[in-house]
Amino acid sequence: MFKPKKIELNFILRRKIVILFLLLVGVVGCKSKKSLSDKNRTQQVQAESRRGQGTSSRAAANRDPSMPEDSGEFVKFRIETIDEYIATFSEIAQLEMKAYGIPASITLAQGLLESGYGKGELAMKTNNHFGIKCHTGWQGDYDFHDDDAKGECFRKYNHPMYSFRDHSIFLTTRSRYAFLFDYKVTDYRKWAHGLRKAGYATDKRYPQKLIYLIEKHQLYKYDGGVLDTGQDEDRVVLTEGEAVHIVKKGDTLYSLSKRYYVSVDELMRMNNLRDSGLSIGQKLLVKSTSVNR
């Protein structure tokens, strides 16, 4: 009589152990599913955040009163020669020099070198003329490009002028470049060597390449003339109810947008322009109302 009872007790005990084990498995499974669900939700939020970062960047650019509004449309630039690159972007470099204290010659030389005078693959697909990578905290558009490593993340801009502005901000907001601003703005040689010393580029001959471009193309003249406020007063021809600008050497859509307080995109729309290329003597409608000069 005692033996069967013992067997029955053992059976009940095993049954309880099995039930307890199944309960534990269920709890662990639920936690795993919850963990995976949370992980997936986090990844989804991060992806959505990443996709929306370009809008955030454009909004930040639009809040800057010194920059024309970014409409969000990618503008392709047609540049064929080094001289054309310099003519197109020299005034932008000078404006950045006035605002941030970086020699225009250095900015132009870096732009020429890093972008392959605007014809490099990275510059063509991103309007990034300075090879600036995404880095931590970048909230703008981006693209991947093979550089020191394969598939590196580079910043992308709708217009090169935002690349020039970002280059200025990049140098003025990082402590490792702070010593550069102790140099005279006309001392492009010290700036060239200083950029390499601060780690802007890995190429050991980076300073020599910048100096070569500056001296070969006389980019230093844009440092000396940057404080000259004189303007040609014969550029604007007024007609009834509108203002017309006659393009001269050195004019760019960016410089005209600054002068007439109109965005680059609006200038292109007003004049039915398909790209940023301008011709000397070309007449551009710059405003629908008269301009005081």
Protein backbone atom coordinates (compact mmCIF):
# COMPACT_ATOMS: atom_id res chain seq x y z
CA MET A 1 0.00 0.00 0.00
CA PHE A 2 2.88 2.38 0.76
CA LYS A 3 4.73 1.80 -2.53
CA PRO A 4 1.96 2.90 -4.92
CA LYS A 5 1.49 6.10 -2.94
CA LYS A 6 5.18 6.90 -3.31
CA ILE A 7 4.98 6.33 -7.07
CA GLU A 8 1.95 8.59 -7.25
CA LEU A 9 3.79 11.34 -5.35
CA ASN A 10 6.79 11.08 -7.68
CA PHE A 11 4.49 11.39 -10.70
CA ILE A 12 2.81 14.50 -9.26
CA LEU A 13 6.21 16.06 -8.48
CA ARG A 14 7.49 15.44 -12.01
CA ARG A 15 4.32 16.91 -13.43
CA LYS A 16 4.77 20.08 -11.37
CA ILE A 17 8.39 20.39 -12.51
CA VAL A 18 7.32 20.06 -16.17
CA ILE A 19 4.60 22.71 -15.72
CA LEU A 20 7.06 25.04 -13.97
CA PHE A 21 9.58 24.54 -16.78
CA LEU A 22 6.97 25.34 -19.43
CA LEU A 23 5.97 28.49 -17.54
CA LEU A 24 9.61 29.62 -17.37
CA VAL A 25 10.05 28.99 -21.10
CA GLY A 26 6.95 31.07 -21.79
CA VAL A 27 8.19 33.98 -19.68
CA VAL A 28 11.63 33.97 -21.33
CA GLY A 29 9.99 33.79 -24.76
CA CYS A 30 7.80 36.78 -24.01
CA LYS A 31 10.79 38.77 -22.82
CA SER A 32 12.74 37.85 -25.95
CA LYS A 33 9.86 38.89 -28.18
CA LYS A 34 9.52 42.14 -26.24
CA SER A 35 13.26 42.76 -26.55
CA LEU A 36 13.18 42.11 -30.29
CA SER A 37 10.09 44.25 -30.63
CA ASP A 38 11.75 47.11 -28.73
CA LYS A 39 14.90 46.71 -30.81
CA ASN A 40 12.93 46.76 -34.06
CA ARG A 41 10.98 49.78 -32.88
CA THR A 42 14.23 51.59 -32.01
CA GLN A 43 15.73 50.76 -35.39
CA GLN A 44 12.60 51.97 -37.14
CA VAL A 45 12.64 55.27 -35.24
CA GLN A 46 16.34 55.73 -36.02
CA ALA A 47 15.74 55.02 -39.70
CA GLU A 48 12.83 57.45 -39.84
CA SER A 49 14.92 60.05 -38.03
CA ARG A 50 17.77 59.53 -40.50
CA ARG A 51 15.45 59.88 -43.47
CA GLY A 52 14.11 63.15 -42.11
CA GLN A 53 17.48 64.72 -41.37
CA GLY A 54 17.77 66.44 -44.72
CA THR A 55 14.66 68.49 -43.94
CA SER A 56 16.15 69.44 -40.59
CA SER A 57 19.33 70.63 -42.30
CA ARG A 58 17.41 72.72 -44.81
CA ALA A 59 15.39 74.32 -42.04
CA ALA A 60 18.61 75.27 -40.24
CA ALA A 61 20.01 76.78 -43.44
CA ASN A 62 16.83 78.74 -44.04
CA ARG A 63 17.10 80.31 -40.58
CA ASP A 64 20.45 81.86 -41.54
CA PRO A 65 19.58 85.37 -42.82
CA SER A 66 22.87 85.68 -44.71
CA MET A 67 22.13 82.67 -46.91
CA PRO A 68 19.53 82.42 -49.68
CA GLU A 69 16.68 80.06 -48.89
CA ASP A 70 17.25 76.39 -49.64
CA SER A 71 14.21 75.15 -51.55
CA GLY A 72 15.26 71.52 -51.19
CA GLU A 73 16.03 70.98 -54.88
CA PHE A 74 19.46 69.69 -55.91
CA VAL A 75 21.19 72.13 -58.30
CA LYS A 76 23.67 70.71 -60.80
CA PHE A 77 26.62 72.90 -61.78
CA ARG A 78 28.22 72.89 -65.21
CA ILE A 79 31.91 73.76 -64.79
CA GLU A 80 34.48 72.88 -67.43
CA THR A 81 37.73 74.62 -66.44
CA ILE A 82 39.68 75.77 -63.39
CA ASP A 83 39.27 79.41 -64.47
CA GLU A 84 35.52 78.90 -64.67
CA TYR A 85 35.50 77.39 -61.18
CA ILE A 86 37.40 80.38 -59.80
CA ALA A 87 35.11 82.86 -61.57
CA THR A 88 32.05 81.03 -60.25
CA PHE A 89 33.06 80.67 -56.61
CA SER A 90 35.60 83.44 -55.87
CA GLU A 91 32.95 85.85 -54.61
CA ILE A 92 31.46 83.17 -52.37
CA ALA A 93 34.93 82.55 -50.91
CA GLN A 94 35.34 86.28 -50.27
CA LEU A 95 31.96 86.52 -48.57
CA GLU A 96 32.93 83.59 -46.34
CA MET A 97 36.24 85.34 -45.57
CA LYS A 98 34.38 88.45 -44.43
CA ALA A 99 32.05 86.41 -42.25
CA TYR A 100 34.47 83.87 -40.76
CA GLY A 101 38.05 85.09 -41.29
CA ILE A 102 39.25 82.20 -43.47
CA PRO A 103 41.47 83.35 -46.38
CA ALA A 104 39.52 83.29 -49.63
CA SER A 105 42.62 81.91 -51.34
CA ILE A 106 42.68 78.92 -48.99
CA THR A 107 38.96 78.26 -49.43
CA LEU A 108 39.25 78.40 -53.23
CA ALA A 109 42.38 76.23 -53.30
CA GLN A 110 40.76 73.62 -51.06
CA GLY A 111 37.63 73.68 -53.19
CA LEU A 112 39.65 73.23 -56.37
CA LEU A 113 41.72 70.41 -54.92
CA GLU A 114 39.01 68.52 -53.04
CA SER A 115 36.35 68.76 -55.76
CA GLY A 116 38.57 68.38 -58.83
CA TYR A 117 37.44 71.94 -59.76
CA GLY A 118 33.83 70.83 -59.47
CA LYS A 119 34.15 67.86 -61.82
CA GLY A 120 34.99 65.16 -59.27
CA GLU A 121 32.51 62.35 -58.67
CA LEU A 122 31.79 63.39 -55.08
CA ALA A 123 31.26 67.05 -55.99
CA MET A 124 29.00 66.16 -58.92
CA LYS A 125 26.66 63.96 -56.88
CA THR A 126 26.70 65.84 -53.55
CA ASN A 127 27.80 69.46 -54.22
CA ASN A 128 30.34 68.76 -51.46
CA HIS A 129 33.41 70.70 -52.59
CA PHE A 130 35.56 70.15 -49.50
CA GLY A 131 35.36 66.43 -48.85
CA ILE A 132 33.67 66.97 -45.48
CA LYS A 133 32.49 63.68 -44.02
CA CYS A 134 29.30 63.19 -42.04
CA HIS A 135 30.89 63.00 -38.57
CA THR A 136 28.88 62.64 -35.35
CA GLY A 137 25.94 65.02 -35.08
CA TRP A 138 25.49 65.72 -38.81
CA GLN A 139 21.76 66.03 -39.50
CA GLY A 140 21.77 66.85 -43.19
CA ASP A 141 21.57 64.81 -46.37
CA TYR A 142 24.43 62.45 -47.14
CA ASP A 143 25.84 60.01 -49.67
CA PHE A 144 28.43 57.24 -49.62
CA HIS A 145 31.73 57.49 -51.46
CA ASP A 146 34.99 55.55 -51.48
CA ASP A 147 37.80 57.61 -49.95
CA ASP A 148 40.40 56.49 -47.38
CA ALA A 149 38.02 53.58 -46.76
CA LYS A 150 35.27 52.06 -48.91
CA GLY A 151 31.77 53.52 -48.66
CA GLU A 152 32.47 56.46 -46.34
CA CYS A 153 29.65 58.86 -45.45
CA PHE A 154 29.93 62.36 -46.93
CA ARG A 155 27.71 65.40 -46.45
CA LYS A 156 25.41 66.34 -49.31
CA TYR A 157 24.14 69.82 -50.22
CA ASN A 158 21.53 71.11 -52.64
CA HIS A 159 23.84 73.95 -53.71
CA PRO A 160 27.64 74.37 -53.46
CA MET A 161 27.25 77.64 -51.54
CA TYR A 162 26.01 75.61 -48.57
CA SER A 163 29.15 73.51 -48.88
CA PHE A 164 31.26 76.67 -48.68
CA ARG A 165 29.33 77.83 -45.61
CA ASP A 166 29.65 74.42 -43.95
CA HIS A 167 33.41 74.51 -44.63
CA SER A 168 33.60 77.83 -42.75
CA ILE A 169 31.54 76.52 -39.85
CA PHE A 170 33.56 73.30 -39.78
CA LEU A 171 36.86 75.17 -39.34
CA THR A 172 35.58 77.78 -36.87
CA THR A 173 33.76 75.41 -34.50
CA ARG A 174 36.44 72.75 -33.96
CA SER A 175 39.12 73.46 -31.38
CA ARG A 176 41.87 71.71 -33.32
CA TYR A 177 41.69 74.45 -35.97
CA ALA A 178 41.56 77.36 -33.49
CA PHE A 179 45.29 78.18 -33.81
CA LEU A 180 44.85 78.90 -37.52
CA PHE A 181 43.01 82.11 -36.70
CA ASP A 182 46.13 83.48 -35.00
CA TYR A 183 47.71 83.70 -38.46
CA LYS A 184 47.26 86.72 -40.69
CA VAL A 185 44.44 86.28 -43.15
CA THR A 186 46.91 87.02 -45.96
CA ASP A 187 49.43 84.36 -44.86
CA TYR A 188 48.13 81.52 -47.02
CA ARG A 189 51.36 79.53 -46.58
CA LYS A 190 50.90 79.22 -42.81
CA TRP A 191 47.24 78.38 -43.29
CA ALA A 192 48.10 75.65 -45.80
CA HIS A 193 50.63 74.00 -43.47
CA GLY A 194 48.35 74.56 -40.47
CA LEU A 195 45.47 72.66 -42.07
CA ARG A 196 47.71 69.63 -42.58
CA LYS A 197 49.03 69.93 -39.00
CA ALA A 198 45.47 70.05 -37.63
CA GLY A 199 44.60 66.86 -39.50
CA TYR A 200 42.33 68.20 -42.24
CA ALA A 201 43.98 65.89 -44.78
CA THR A 202 46.11 62.74 -44.63
CA ASP A 203 48.13 63.66 -47.73
CA LYS A 204 51.61 64.76 -46.60
CA ARG A 205 51.91 67.06 -49.60
CA TYR A 206 48.55 68.73 -48.98
CA PRO A 207 50.11 72.12 -48.05
CA GLN A 208 52.32 72.16 -51.15
CA LYS A 209 49.35 71.37 -53.37
CA LEU A 210 47.31 74.24 -51.91
CA ILE A 211 50.21 76.68 -52.22
CA TYR A 212 50.81 75.61 -55.82
CA LEU A 213 47.18 76.28 -56.76
CA ILE A 214 47.14 79.63 -54.95
CA GLU A 215 50.30 80.88 -56.65
CA LYS A 216 49.65 79.41 -60.10
CA HIS A 217 46.18 80.94 -60.31
CA GLN A 218 46.95 84.05 -58.22
CA LEU A 219 44.24 83.22 -55.71
CA TYR A 220 45.99 85.41 -53.13
CA LYS A 221 44.53 88.46 -54.87
CA TYR A 222 41.13 87.50 -53.45
CA ASP A 223 42.54 87.92 -49.93
CA GLY A 224 43.82 91.45 -50.58
CA GLY A 225 40.66 92.71 -52.24
CA VAL A 226 38.16 91.26 -49.84
CA LEU A 227 37.67 94.50 -47.86
CA ASP A 228 37.07 96.61 -50.96
CA THR A 229 33.42 97.72 -50.83
CA GLY A 230 33.42 99.57 -54.14
CA GLN A 231 30.78 98.36 -56.61
CA ASP A 232 30.17 99.02 -60.29
CA GLU A 233 27.07 101.17 -60.42
CA ASP A 234 26.36 100.55 -64.11
CA ARG A 235 25.32 96.95 -63.71
CA VAL A 236 21.64 97.61 -63.11
CA VAL A 237 19.37 98.79 -65.91
CA LEU A 238 15.87 99.70 -64.79
CA THR A 239 12.82 99.21 -66.94
CA GLU A 240 9.20 99.83 -66.08
CA GLY A 241 8.18 97.63 -63.18
CA GLU A 242 11.32 95.48 -63.18
CA ALA A 243 15.08 95.42 -62.68
CA VAL A 244 17.52 93.87 -65.13
CA HIS A 245 21.09 92.89 -64.32
CA ILE A 246 23.70 92.74 -67.09
CA VAL A 247 26.14 89.96 -66.23
CA LYS A 248 29.82 90.87 -65.96
CA LYS A 249 32.92 88.81 -65.29
CA GLY A 250 32.83 87.23 -61.84
CA ASP A 251 29.05 87.36 -61.44
CA THR A 252 27.40 84.22 -60.08
CA LEU A 253 23.83 83.37 -59.20
CA TYR A 254 24.93 83.25 -55.57
CA SER A 255 26.43 86.77 -55.62
CA LEU A 256 23.36 88.14 -57.40
CA SER A 257 21.04 86.47 -54.91
CA LYS A 258 22.93 88.24 -52.10
CA ARG A 259 22.85 91.60 -53.88
CA TYR A 260 19.17 91.58 -54.78
CA TYR A 261 17.86 89.62 -51.77
CA VAL A 262 16.37 86.86 -53.86
CA SER A 263 17.04 83.13 -53.68
CA VAL A 264 19.11 81.32 -56.30
CA ASP A 265 16.13 79.10 -57.14
CA GLU A 266 13.90 82.13 -57.67
CA LEU A 267 16.49 83.72 -59.99
CA MET A 268 16.57 80.50 -62.01
CA ARG A 269 12.77 80.39 -62.22
CA MET A 270 12.45 84.07 -63.18
CA ASN A 271 14.94 83.64 -66.02
CA ASN A 272 14.04 80.08 -67.09
CA LEU A 273 17.57 78.87 -66.32
CA ARG A 274 18.25 75.14 -66.38
CA ASP A 275 21.64 75.39 -64.69
CA SER A 276 23.87 77.93 -62.94
CA GLY A 277 25.97 78.87 -65.96
CA LEU A 278 26.03 82.60 -66.82
CA SER A 279 27.47 84.43 -69.83
CA ILE A 280 29.06 87.88 -69.84
CA GLY A 281 26.56 90.39 -71.23
CA GLN A 282 23.60 88.15 -70.40
CA LYS A 283 20.56 90.06 -69.11
CA LEU A 284 18.87 88.69 -66.02
CA LEU A 285 15.58 89.73 -64.49
CA VAL A 286 16.43 90.17 -60.83
CA LYS A 287 13.29 91.75 -59.36
CA SER A 288 9.72 92.50 -60.32
CA THR A 289 9.94 95.99 -58.78
CA SER A 290 12.41 98.84 -59.23
CA VAL A 291 15.70 98.85 -57.35
CA ASN A 292 17.20 101.95 -55.74
CA ARG A 293 20.89 102.41 -56.51
